[in-house]
Amino acid sequence: MTDLALGRLDASEDGGWLVLSGANQPPGLVSTQYDLCLSPEEAVNEHLGLNLRGSAAQTRSILETLEGLLNPSRQSVWSPLTLRLWSTERSRYLYSRIIAARLESIGGHLASHAGGSLRLNLRIQREGFFFGDSEALPLSNGSAGGITNGLTLFNHEDDDLGHDNWFTVQTAELNLSYPASLKIELENTTPGSDLGDFWVGGMTSSAEESRPILNLEAEGAVGGVIAASPGASGGKYSQYRWSGSAWTTLATWTLGPVEVSQLRQRTVTPIARFFTPLVDANLSLRLQIAQAGKVVWQSPESNAQAGLGSLAMDPICLPLGSLPLVNFAYSHQLILQARHTAQGEHVLELDDLLLLPHEPFVLFKTITGLPQLSKIVDDGTIGQNWSLRGGLELKTHRRIGGKLALQPCCRHHFWVFQCDTAQHAPIERTLKARAWFRRQWRLP
């Protein structure tokens, strides 16, 4: 470590960092002793000893800079205070976010200060990881591979080339030692339609596994009358008719041993897309899981609202129960049931069901909607999101969920489900995705 500095993340070199050790130390700062602490904990406590010797103006300038950096009123989630060091082994700057910091003097402070010398103790608590600068992340799906300048995502997945609501990151090629923070930029490329609520979910897979198929077409289930339409995923949807106010089974999908085993006890949120928006608010949906024809699990009911084009239901863990998965899991049947509070005949038209995984999982709730050619950015390093319209910043969505991150594995897959501001989820909606990542290490 030949360079040690304190400053705001992504600050410019021109006065943005207080160099504590190395080139460009400020006049009056003789040396800094840094006691690096290695620990598996999420946060570590460390000590830096600063030796000052110089004129009163020089020491005053260093003290004022330190106090300004440590002033709680000047802290910002958008530009957090970080410790920066140069790693000779990795040939790059590494950063660690400072959680708390306290500046202390030692005995004889006044006498030594009057003599032109001063020793200060800087006690910090920082995150246990160091991370590097942002790097462009290559994205791939059925339409293209290794894209860094914008990969198109549709709002569905079917057999048509490029009609994918997912992208894959070949994480094995990145040589990650630890999880890496992820920054995603999504541009609304749908003509004349604002982006409303949308979800992002991901999961990993090994080199031996194919990407799991988590989009379940309604026409692939047992039940309902299949109808053709170019406005439906796969060109088809299913219509269900029933009478009365009792719970009624509409559709049953069979998840085979391979499909169930790929999920490996992961949590997924089922999102149903309706081919036509719901006409009233007296409908509830729920899911059941059956094995060998016997129902073994049932979700809470989800109440639908009139006009909705989709419905996110309660999360499910698949396969059901704790399994070693030395062998493949037994097949599961996923059963969709509906109940209407009124008597008489009821109709529901279902396009598909997406099982959105939770590694990670984020819901973006619309505030104003994101217009065409505008972008929303979500930065996992700082856990914040913002939008860009005509190059100017604004807030269009409220974020619900954990930080986005890449896991060190062979492949990491992500799915995106979109609604417009009318809460419809047409399949022709498109986004253009770009991403960046920051590597992490415990050892600098």
Protein backbone atom coordinates (compact mmCIF):
# COMPACT_ATOMS: atom_id res chain seq x y z
CA MET A 1 0.00 0.00 0.00
CA THR A 2 1.75 3.14 -1.23
CA ASP A 3 -1.22 5.50 -1.19
CA LEU A 4 -3.86 6.04 1.49
CA ALA A 5 -6.60 8.67 1.30
CA LEU A 6 -9.91 9.75 2.79
CA GLY A 7 -12.69 11.22 0.67
CA ARG A 8 -16.06 10.91 -1.02
CA LEU A 9 -16.66 8.01 -3.38
CA ASP A 10 -16.14 9.06 -7.00
CA ALA A 11 -14.75 12.46 -5.98
CA SER A 12 -12.33 14.05 -8.40
CA GLU A 13 -8.61 13.97 -7.77
CA ASP A 14 -8.50 17.77 -7.78
CA GLY A 15 -8.99 18.40 -4.06
CA GLY A 16 -11.54 15.65 -3.64
CA TRP A 17 -9.32 13.42 -1.48
CA LEU A 18 -7.23 14.03 1.61
CA VAL A 19 -4.08 12.01 0.97
CA LEU A 20 -2.93 10.52 4.28
CA SER A 21 0.06 8.61 2.94
CA GLY A 22 1.90 8.67 -0.38
CA ALA A 23 2.25 11.22 -3.14
CA ASN A 24 0.37 14.51 -2.82
CA GLN A 25 0.32 14.51 0.99
CA PRO A 26 -0.67 18.00 2.12
CA PRO A 27 2.09 20.16 3.62
CA GLY A 28 2.23 19.60 7.35
CA LEU A 29 1.20 15.92 7.30
CA VAL A 30 4.42 14.00 8.01
CA SER A 31 3.14 10.42 8.12
CA THR A 32 0.14 8.19 8.85
CA GLN A 33 0.18 4.83 10.61
CA TYR A 34 -2.67 2.58 9.43
CA ASP A 35 -3.56 -0.53 11.41
CA LEU A 36 -5.42 -2.73 8.89
CA CYS A 37 -7.91 -5.08 10.51
CA LEU A 38 -8.98 -8.30 8.78
CA SER A 39 -12.20 -9.86 9.96
CA PRO A 40 -15.09 -11.90 8.49
CA GLU A 41 -17.52 -9.48 10.12
CA GLU A 42 -19.59 -7.07 8.04
CA ALA A 43 -17.93 -4.11 9.80
CA VAL A 44 -14.41 -3.67 11.24
CA ASN A 45 -12.93 -1.10 13.63
CA GLU A 46 -9.57 0.41 12.74
CA HIS A 47 -7.12 3.09 13.90
CA LEU A 48 -5.11 5.62 11.93
CA GLY A 49 -2.39 7.65 13.64
CA LEU A 50 -1.70 11.02 11.94
CA ASN A 51 1.59 12.85 12.63
CA LEU A 52 1.51 16.57 11.82
CA ARG A 53 4.41 19.02 11.87
CA GLY A 54 4.41 22.41 10.25
CA SER A 55 3.12 25.95 10.46
CA ALA A 56 -0.08 26.83 12.25
CA ALA A 57 -1.76 27.47 8.88
CA GLN A 58 -0.74 24.03 7.55
CA THR A 59 -1.99 22.09 10.58
CA ARG A 60 -5.17 24.19 10.69
CA SER A 61 -5.86 23.39 7.02
CA ILE A 62 -5.49 19.64 7.63
CA LEU A 63 -7.73 19.76 10.70
CA GLU A 64 -10.42 21.73 8.88
CA THR A 65 -10.34 19.28 5.96
CA LEU A 66 -10.68 16.33 8.32
CA GLU A 67 -13.49 17.92 10.28
CA GLY A 68 -15.30 18.76 7.06
CA LEU A 69 -15.07 15.17 5.84
CA LEU A 70 -16.23 13.78 9.18
CA ASN A 71 -19.03 16.32 9.75
CA PRO A 72 -22.29 14.30 9.97
CA SER A 73 -24.27 17.14 8.42
CA ARG A 74 -22.21 16.80 5.24
CA GLN A 75 -22.65 13.02 4.88
CA SER A 76 -24.53 11.84 1.80
CA VAL A 77 -25.81 8.44 0.72
CA TRP A 78 -25.08 9.49 -2.86
CA SER A 79 -21.39 10.09 -2.19
CA PRO A 80 -20.40 8.17 0.95
CA LEU A 81 -17.20 8.77 2.88
CA THR A 82 -14.64 6.10 2.00
CA LEU A 83 -11.13 5.01 2.78
CA ARG A 84 -9.11 4.63 -0.40
CA LEU A 85 -5.84 2.80 -0.80
CA TRP A 86 -3.66 1.73 -3.69
CA SER A 87 -3.19 -2.02 -3.99
CA THR A 88 0.10 -2.89 -5.66
CA GLU A 89 -0.94 -6.53 -5.98
CA ARG A 90 -4.17 -5.67 -7.81
CA SER A 91 -2.80 -2.55 -9.57
CA ARG A 92 -5.86 -0.46 -8.74
CA TYR A 93 -7.43 1.76 -6.14
CA LEU A 94 -9.60 -0.01 -3.57
CA TYR A 95 -12.33 1.63 -1.49
CA SER A 96 -14.15 0.79 1.72
CA ARG A 97 -17.18 2.70 2.92
CA ILE A 98 -16.75 4.33 6.34
CA ILE A 99 -19.73 3.76 8.62
CA ALA A 100 -18.56 5.92 11.54
CA ALA A 101 -15.46 7.99 12.33
CA ARG A 102 -14.10 9.89 15.31
CA LEU A 103 -11.09 12.20 15.53
CA GLU A 104 -9.16 12.19 18.83
CA SER A 105 -6.18 14.08 20.18
CA ILE A 106 -3.63 12.52 22.54
CA GLY A 107 -2.08 13.78 25.77
CA GLY A 108 -0.07 16.99 25.53
CA HIS A 109 -2.11 18.20 22.56
CA LEU A 110 -1.94 21.92 23.40
CA ALA A 111 1.76 21.97 24.21
CA SER A 112 2.77 20.04 21.10
CA HIS A 113 0.43 22.11 18.92
CA ALA A 114 2.09 25.30 20.13
CA GLY A 115 5.46 23.77 19.21
CA GLY A 116 4.36 23.08 15.63
CA SER A 117 3.75 19.31 15.93
CA LEU A 118 0.62 17.32 16.55
CA ARG A 119 -0.49 13.67 16.70
CA LEU A 120 -4.10 12.75 16.06
CA ASN A 121 -5.93 9.44 16.27
CA LEU A 122 -8.60 8.75 13.67
CA ARG A 123 -10.81 5.86 14.72
CA ILE A 124 -13.06 4.48 12.02
CA GLN A 125 -15.60 1.75 11.56
CA ARG A 126 -15.75 0.62 7.95
CA GLU A 127 -17.40 -2.11 5.91
CA GLY A 128 -15.44 -5.36 5.94
CA PHE A 129 -14.93 -5.37 2.16
CA PHE A 130 -12.82 -3.27 -0.16
CA PHE A 131 -14.25 -2.67 -3.63
CA GLY A 132 -12.79 -1.49 -6.92
CA ASP A 133 -13.77 1.04 -9.55
CA SER A 134 -16.85 0.50 -11.69
CA GLU A 135 -16.44 -1.84 -14.69
CA ALA A 136 -18.80 -2.37 -17.63
CA LEU A 137 -20.65 -5.68 -17.37
CA PRO A 138 -21.29 -7.78 -20.53
CA LEU A 139 -24.93 -8.93 -20.78
CA SER A 140 -26.35 -11.74 -22.90
CA ASN A 141 -29.69 -13.26 -23.86
CA GLY A 142 -31.18 -15.02 -26.87
CA SER A 143 -30.70 -12.00 -29.11
CA ALA A 144 -27.04 -11.17 -28.48
CA GLY A 145 -24.06 -11.92 -26.23
CA GLY A 146 -21.45 -9.88 -24.36
CA ILE A 147 -23.32 -6.59 -24.83
CA THR A 148 -22.18 -3.53 -22.85
CA ASN A 149 -23.87 -0.73 -24.83
CA GLY A 150 -27.51 -1.76 -24.29
CA LEU A 151 -29.26 -5.15 -24.51
CA THR A 152 -32.95 -5.21 -25.49
CA LEU A 153 -35.38 -6.90 -23.07
CA PHE A 154 -38.96 -7.67 -24.05
CA ASN A 155 -41.76 -8.04 -21.52
CA HIS A 156 -42.18 -11.76 -22.22
CA GLU A 157 -40.32 -14.86 -23.29
CA ASP A 158 -41.37 -17.12 -26.14
CA ASP A 159 -39.81 -18.96 -29.08
CA ASP A 160 -39.41 -15.87 -31.26
CA LEU A 161 -35.76 -14.85 -31.56
CA GLY A 162 -34.85 -12.11 -29.11
CA HIS A 163 -38.19 -12.15 -27.30
CA ASP A 164 -36.56 -12.47 -23.88
CA ASN A 165 -37.40 -10.82 -20.56
CA TRP A 166 -34.09 -11.96 -19.09
CA PHE A 167 -30.34 -11.47 -19.37
CA THR A 168 -27.43 -13.61 -18.25
CA VAL A 169 -24.03 -12.64 -16.86
CA GLN A 170 -21.19 -15.11 -17.36
CA THR A 171 -19.80 -14.59 -13.88
CA ALA A 172 -17.24 -17.38 -14.25
CA GLU A 173 -15.42 -15.16 -16.78
CA LEU A 174 -15.19 -12.33 -14.23
CA ASN A 175 -13.13 -14.37 -11.71
CA LEU A 176 -15.00 -13.01 -8.69
CA SER A 177 -13.75 -13.96 -5.25
CA TYR A 178 -16.66 -12.37 -3.40
CA PRO A 179 -20.07 -10.94 -4.35
CA ALA A 180 -19.82 -7.82 -6.48
CA SER A 181 -22.13 -4.82 -6.22
CA LEU A 182 -24.24 -4.25 -9.32
CA LYS A 183 -25.42 -1.07 -11.03
CA ILE A 184 -28.18 -1.38 -13.64
CA GLU A 185 -29.47 1.21 -16.09
CA LEU A 186 -32.82 0.53 -17.80
CA GLU A 187 -33.98 2.77 -20.64
CA ASN A 188 -37.66 2.82 -21.55
CA THR A 189 -37.70 2.14 -25.31
CA THR A 190 -41.47 1.57 -25.61
CA PRO A 191 -43.00 4.18 -27.97
CA GLY A 192 -45.50 6.51 -26.30
CA SER A 193 -45.88 4.48 -23.10
CA ASP A 194 -44.46 5.34 -19.67
CA LEU A 195 -42.90 2.61 -17.53
CA GLY A 196 -44.89 2.01 -14.33
CA ASP A 197 -44.24 -0.65 -11.69
CA PHE A 198 -41.57 -3.19 -12.56
CA TRP A 199 -39.71 -6.04 -10.88
CA VAL A 200 -36.13 -7.33 -11.14
CA GLY A 201 -35.25 -10.80 -9.85
CA GLY A 202 -32.26 -13.09 -10.25
CA MET A 203 -30.69 -16.46 -9.48
CA THR A 204 -27.43 -18.30 -10.13
CA SER A 205 -26.69 -21.56 -11.90
CA SER A 206 -23.71 -23.86 -12.19
CA ALA A 207 -21.77 -24.74 -15.33
CA GLU A 208 -23.72 -28.00 -15.70
CA GLU A 209 -27.14 -26.36 -15.49
CA SER A 210 -29.10 -24.67 -18.22
CA ARG A 211 -30.97 -21.45 -17.51
CA PRO A 212 -34.25 -22.41 -15.77
CA ILE A 213 -37.45 -21.71 -17.69
CA LEU A 214 -39.48 -19.63 -15.25
CA ASN A 215 -42.06 -18.29 -17.73
CA LEU A 216 -45.04 -20.67 -17.68
CA GLU A 217 -47.41 -20.18 -20.62
CA ALA A 218 -51.11 -20.51 -19.83
CA GLU A 219 -51.60 -22.67 -22.91
CA GLY A 220 -49.00 -25.08 -21.50
CA ALA A 221 -51.20 -25.83 -18.47
CA VAL A 222 -54.10 -28.24 -18.11
CA GLY A 223 -57.40 -26.38 -18.08
CA GLY A 224 -59.06 -23.56 -19.97
CA VAL A 225 -59.80 -22.94 -23.63
CA ILE A 226 -56.79 -21.94 -25.72
CA ALA A 227 -57.16 -18.95 -28.04
CA ALA A 228 -54.72 -17.49 -30.55
CA SER A 229 -53.63 -13.85 -30.61
CA PRO A 230 -50.49 -12.00 -31.77
CA GLY A 231 -50.79 -9.91 -28.59
CA ALA A 232 -50.16 -12.94 -26.36
CA SER A 233 -46.86 -14.46 -25.29
CA GLY A 234 -46.22 -17.40 -27.59
CA GLY A 235 -49.18 -16.29 -29.70
CA LYS A 236 -51.74 -17.95 -27.42
CA TYR A 237 -53.60 -17.43 -24.15
CA SER A 238 -56.16 -19.40 -22.14
CA GLN A 239 -59.70 -18.41 -21.25
CA TYR A 240 -61.37 -19.80 -18.12
CA ARG A 241 -65.11 -19.77 -17.40
CA TRP A 242 -66.75 -20.89 -14.16
CA SER A 243 -69.81 -20.21 -12.05
CA GLY A 244 -70.52 -19.68 -8.37
CA SER A 245 -68.53 -18.25 -5.48
CA ALA A 246 -66.47 -21.31 -4.44
CA TRP A 247 -62.77 -21.78 -5.10
CA THR A 248 -62.31 -23.21 -8.60
CA THR A 249 -59.21 -24.74 -10.22
CA LEU A 250 -58.35 -22.92 -13.45
CA ALA A 251 -54.93 -24.19 -14.54
CA THR A 252 -52.39 -26.84 -13.54
CA TRP A 253 -48.74 -26.77 -14.64
CA THR A 254 -46.42 -29.72 -14.08
CA LEU A 255 -42.88 -28.80 -13.09
CA GLY A 256 -40.68 -31.79 -13.90
CA PRO A 257 -37.77 -33.14 -11.83
CA VAL A 258 -35.17 -31.05 -13.67
CA GLU A 259 -37.17 -27.80 -13.45
CA VAL A 260 -37.93 -28.25 -9.74
CA SER A 261 -34.37 -29.27 -8.89
CA GLN A 262 -32.89 -26.21 -10.63
CA LEU A 263 -34.62 -23.98 -8.09
CA ARG A 264 -32.89 -25.68 -5.11
CA GLN A 265 -35.20 -24.36 -2.36
CA ARG A 266 -35.21 -20.87 -3.79
CA THR A 267 -37.94 -18.34 -3.18
CA VAL A 268 -39.90 -17.10 -6.20
CA THR A 269 -42.73 -14.59 -6.54
CA PRO A 270 -45.38 -15.73 -9.04
CA ILE A 271 -46.61 -12.89 -11.28
CA ALA A 272 -49.71 -13.65 -13.36
CA ARG A 273 -50.19 -11.69 -16.59
CA PHE A 274 -53.79 -11.33 -17.77
CA PHE A 275 -54.46 -11.19 -21.51
CA THR A 276 -57.31 -8.76 -20.84
CA PRO A 277 -57.40 -6.54 -17.73
CA LEU A 278 -59.70 -7.62 -14.91
CA VAL A 279 -63.17 -6.12 -15.12
CA ASP A 280 -64.04 -5.98 -11.41
CA ALA A 281 -62.53 -6.21 -7.93
CA ASN A 282 -64.39 -9.27 -6.64
CA LEU A 283 -61.79 -11.81 -7.74
CA SER A 284 -59.16 -13.59 -5.62
CA LEU A 285 -56.40 -15.94 -6.77
CA ARG A 286 -54.25 -18.45 -4.94
CA LEU A 287 -51.75 -21.18 -5.78
CA GLN A 288 -51.49 -24.75 -4.56
CA ILE A 289 -48.64 -27.23 -4.85
CA ALA A 290 -49.45 -30.90 -5.32
CA GLN A 291 -47.24 -33.98 -5.47
CA ALA A 292 -48.56 -37.20 -6.98
CA GLY A 293 -52.00 -35.59 -7.12
CA LYS A 294 -52.12 -34.64 -3.42
CA VAL A 295 -52.18 -30.97 -2.40
CA VAL A 296 -49.37 -30.33 0.11
CA TRP A 297 -49.24 -26.51 0.20
CA GLN A 298 -51.55 -23.58 -0.38
CA SER A 299 -50.76 -19.88 -0.65
CA PRO A 300 -52.73 -17.07 0.98
CA GLU A 301 -55.29 -15.58 -1.37
CA SER A 302 -54.33 -12.51 -3.41
CA ASN A 303 -57.07 -9.98 -4.02
CA ALA A 304 -57.16 -8.56 -7.53
CA GLN A 305 -58.20 -5.02 -8.38
CA ALA A 306 -60.35 -3.94 -11.30
CA GLY A 307 -58.29 -2.85 -14.31
CA LEU A 308 -55.14 -4.77 -13.36
CA GLY A 309 -53.19 -6.40 -16.17
CA SER A 310 -51.08 -8.50 -13.80
CA LEU A 311 -50.99 -9.70 -10.21
CA ALA A 312 -47.97 -10.48 -8.01
CA MET A 313 -48.88 -13.27 -5.59
CA ASP A 314 -47.34 -14.49 -2.33
CA PRO A 315 -43.80 -15.98 -2.60
CA ILE A 316 -43.24 -19.75 -2.87
CA CYS A 317 -40.17 -21.82 -2.00
CA LEU A 318 -39.42 -24.57 -4.55
CA PRO A 319 -38.98 -27.47 -4.28
CA LEU A 320 -41.26 -27.78 -1.31
CA GLY A 321 -39.53 -28.82 1.90
CA SER A 322 -35.85 -29.31 2.70
CA LEU A 323 -34.21 -31.82 0.32
CA PRO A 324 -30.54 -32.86 -0.08
CA LEU A 325 -31.02 -32.95 -3.89
CA VAL A 326 -28.50 -35.73 -4.33
CA ASN A 327 -31.11 -37.03 -6.75
CA PHE A 328 -33.60 -34.99 -8.75
CA ALA A 329 -36.64 -33.71 -6.89
CA TYR A 330 -40.06 -35.27 -7.45
CA SER A 331 -42.35 -33.48 -9.89
CA HIS A 332 -44.54 -30.66 -8.54
CA GLN A 333 -47.92 -29.58 -9.82
CA LEU A 334 -48.59 -25.86 -9.59
CA ILE A 335 -52.32 -25.21 -9.40
CA LEU A 336 -53.95 -21.82 -9.98
CA GLN A 337 -57.34 -21.35 -8.31
CA ALA A 338 -59.82 -18.46 -8.43
CA ARG A 339 -62.80 -17.36 -6.37
CA HIS A 340 -65.39 -14.72 -7.22
CA THR A 341 -67.63 -13.36 -4.48
CA ALA A 342 -70.63 -13.07 -6.80
CA GLN A 343 -72.81 -15.84 -8.19
CA GLY A 344 -73.21 -16.34 -11.93
CA GLU A 345 -70.62 -16.91 -14.66
CA HIS A 346 -67.10 -15.51 -14.44
CA VAL A 347 -64.37 -15.16 -17.05
CA LEU A 348 -60.60 -14.80 -16.73
CA GLU A 349 -58.10 -14.69 -19.59
CA LEU A 350 -54.53 -15.60 -18.60
CA ASP A 351 -51.46 -15.17 -20.78
CA ASP A 352 -48.65 -16.55 -18.64
CA LEU A 353 -47.17 -16.92 -15.13
CA LEU A 354 -43.63 -15.78 -14.30
CA LEU A 355 -41.84 -17.29 -11.30
CA LEU A 356 -39.54 -14.39 -10.39
CA PRO A 357 -36.58 -15.50 -8.19
CA HIS A 358 -35.28 -13.59 -5.16
CA GLU A 359 -31.48 -13.58 -5.60
CA PRO A 360 -31.80 -10.60 -5.61
CA PHE A 361 -35.40 -9.28 -5.77
CA VAL A 362 -36.46 -5.63 -6.14
CA LEU A 363 -39.83 -3.99 -6.82
CA PHE A 364 -39.82 -0.48 -8.27
CA LYS A 365 -43.12 1.25 -7.48
CA THR A 366 -44.00 4.05 -9.86
CA ILE A 367 -44.34 7.63 -8.64
CA THR A 368 -44.68 9.50 -11.94
CA GLY A 369 -43.84 6.88 -14.57
CA LEU A 370 -40.71 6.78 -16.73
CA PRO A 371 -41.26 8.29 -20.22
CA GLN A 372 -39.89 6.82 -23.42
CA LEU A 373 -36.11 7.35 -23.90
CA SER A 374 -35.71 8.16 -20.20
CA LYS A 375 -33.60 5.95 -17.95
CA ILE A 376 -33.78 4.60 -14.41
CA VAL A 377 -30.51 3.77 -12.63
CA ASP A 378 -30.18 1.50 -9.61
CA ASP A 379 -26.79 1.46 -7.88
CA GLY A 380 -26.18 -1.50 -5.57
CA THR A 381 -23.05 0.09 -4.06
CA ILE A 382 -25.03 2.90 -2.44
CA GLY A 383 -28.46 1.21 -2.47
CA GLN A 384 -30.14 4.11 -4.29
CA ASN A 385 -32.03 4.69 -7.51
CA TRP A 386 -32.78 7.75 -9.65
CA SER A 387 -33.98 8.56 -13.14
CA LEU A 388 -32.61 10.60 -16.04
CA ARG A 389 -34.83 12.52 -18.47
CA GLY A 390 -33.09 14.63 -21.09
CA GLY A 391 -29.89 14.29 -19.06
CA LEU A 392 -31.54 15.76 -15.92
CA GLU A 393 -32.15 13.84 -12.69
CA LEU A 394 -35.56 13.16 -11.18
CA LYS A 395 -37.29 10.58 -8.99
CA THR A 396 -39.82 8.40 -10.83
CA HIS A 397 -39.87 5.21 -8.74
CA ARG A 398 -39.72 4.09 -5.13
CA ARG A 399 -37.47 1.11 -4.49
CA ILE A 400 -38.50 -1.89 -2.36
CA GLY A 401 -35.99 -4.70 -1.82
CA GLY A 402 -32.35 -5.51 -1.16
CA LYS A 403 -29.23 -4.28 -2.93
CA LEU A 404 -28.45 -5.66 -6.37
CA ALA A 405 -25.35 -7.83 -6.44
CA LEU A 406 -23.56 -10.49 -8.49
CA GLN A 407 -22.67 -13.80 -6.86
CA PRO A 408 -19.34 -15.53 -7.61
CA CYS A 409 -20.57 -18.57 -9.53
CA CYS A 410 -20.70 -19.67 -13.16
CA ARG A 411 -23.76 -17.77 -14.38
CA HIS A 412 -26.13 -15.23 -12.87
CA HIS A 413 -29.54 -14.80 -14.54
CA PHE A 414 -31.90 -11.83 -14.15
CA TRP A 415 -35.54 -11.40 -15.18
CA VAL A 416 -37.51 -8.15 -15.55
CA PHE A 417 -41.31 -7.85 -15.52
CA GLN A 418 -42.81 -4.51 -16.61
CA CYS A 419 -46.12 -2.70 -16.24
CA ASP A 420 -47.19 0.60 -17.70
CA THR A 421 -48.74 3.37 -15.59
CA ALA A 422 -52.23 1.90 -16.21
CA GLN A 423 -50.98 -1.31 -14.49
CA HIS A 424 -51.19 -3.27 -17.74
CA ALA A 425 -48.32 -5.57 -18.79
CA PRO A 426 -48.33 -5.76 -22.60
CA ILE A 427 -45.81 -8.20 -24.04
CA GLU A 428 -44.46 -5.69 -26.57
CA ARG A 429 -42.97 -3.40 -23.91
CA THR A 430 -39.19 -3.13 -24.24
CA LEU A 431 -36.28 -1.89 -22.17
CA LYS A 432 -32.63 -1.43 -23.02
CA ALA A 433 -30.35 -2.72 -20.24
CA ARG A 434 -26.80 -1.74 -19.35
CA ALA A 435 -24.89 -2.74 -16.22
CA TRP A 436 -21.67 -2.17 -14.30
CA PHE A 437 -20.10 -3.95 -11.34
CA ARG A 438 -17.55 -3.36 -8.61
CA ARG A 439 -15.37 -6.25 -7.50
CA GLN A 440 -14.93 -6.85 -3.77
CA TRP A 441 -12.06 -8.20 -1.68
CA ARG A 442 -11.37 -8.57 2.04
CA LEU A 443 -7.62 -8.35 1.52
CA PRO A 444 -6.37 -5.28 -0.33
